[in-house]
């Protein structure tokens, strides 16, 4: 183990909490994007992939600079 028991508990809590938040926000984003069907000639599923992909790329770039 690389972490002390207290550090491990904190990291696992963050991991499981982020998983729950991702599920909640993913559904809300998908519902909102479903109303964008036909906007600028793109289907709703294409908008969903574009928006969620941009969010993932932004989070990845933020982690690149924020994590030690």
Protein backbone atom coordinates (compact mmCIF):
# COMPACT_ATOMS: atom_id res chain seq x y z
CA UNK A 1 0.00 0.00 0.00
CA UNK A 2 1.24 3.47 -0.83
CA UNK A 3 -1.22 5.32 1.38
CA UNK A 4 -1.88 5.38 5.08
CA UNK A 5 -5.33 4.08 6.11
CA UNK A 6 -6.63 7.65 6.55
CA UNK A 7 -5.37 8.73 3.13
CA UNK A 8 -6.81 5.63 1.50
CA UNK A 9 -10.25 6.24 3.02
CA UNK A 10 -10.25 9.84 1.81
CA UNK A 11 -9.23 8.90 -1.72
CA UNK A 12 -11.81 6.13 -1.93
CA UNK A 13 -14.52 8.49 -0.69
CA UNK A 14 -13.59 11.02 -3.37
CA UNK A 15 -13.57 8.28 -6.02
CA UNK A 16 -17.02 6.92 -5.11
CA UNK A 17 -18.45 10.42 -4.62
CA UNK A 18 -17.20 11.48 -8.06
CA UNK A 19 -18.75 8.35 -9.57
CA UNK A 20 -22.13 9.22 -8.07
CA UNK A 21 -21.88 12.85 -9.20
CA UNK A 22 -20.92 11.77 -12.73
CA UNK A 23 -23.99 9.57 -12.96
CA UNK A 24 -26.25 12.35 -11.74
CA UNK A 25 -24.86 15.07 -14.00
CA UNK A 26 -24.61 12.72 -16.99
CA UNK A 27 -28.35 12.14 -16.93
CA UNK A 28 -29.14 15.83 -16.60
CA UNK A 29 -26.79 16.74 -19.45
CA UNK A 30 -28.25 13.99 -21.65
CA UNK A 31 -31.79 15.23 -21.02
CA UNK A 32 -30.84 18.81 -21.87
CA UNK A 33 -28.94 17.80 -24.99
CA UNK A 34 -31.91 15.71 -26.11
CA UNK A 35 -33.75 18.98 -26.70
CA UNK A 36 -30.97 20.17 -29.03
CA UNK A 37 -31.90 17.69 -31.77
CA UNK A 38 -31.53 19.37 -35.17
CA UNK A 39 -29.72 22.45 -33.85
CA UNK A 40 -27.14 23.55 -36.44
CA UNK A 41 -27.95 20.44 -38.47
CA UNK A 42 -26.61 17.99 -35.88
CA UNK A 43 -28.50 15.14 -34.22
CA UNK A 44 -28.82 15.06 -30.43
CA UNK A 45 -26.43 12.13 -30.00
CA UNK A 46 -23.69 14.03 -31.84
CA UNK A 47 -24.21 17.01 -29.52
CA UNK A 48 -23.99 14.68 -26.53
CA UNK A 49 -20.67 13.21 -27.68
CA UNK A 50 -19.31 16.68 -28.45
CA UNK A 51 -20.30 18.26 -25.13
CA UNK A 52 -19.27 15.35 -22.93
CA UNK A 53 -16.02 14.99 -24.89
CA UNK A 54 -15.18 18.66 -24.35
CA UNK A 55 -15.88 18.29 -20.62
CA UNK A 56 -13.60 15.24 -20.46
CA UNK A 57 -10.79 17.01 -22.31
CA UNK A 58 -11.08 20.06 -20.04
CA UNK A 59 -10.96 17.86 -16.92
CA UNK A 60 -7.94 16.01 -18.28
CA UNK A 61 -6.07 19.23 -18.99
CA UNK A 62 -6.94 20.59 -15.55
CA UNK A 63 -5.62 17.40 -13.94
CA UNK A 64 -2.41 17.65 -15.94
CA UNK A 65 -1.60 20.99 -14.29
CA UNK A 66 -3.24 20.47 -10.89
CA UNK A 67 -1.93 17.03 -9.92
CA UNK A 68 1.61 16.70 -8.59
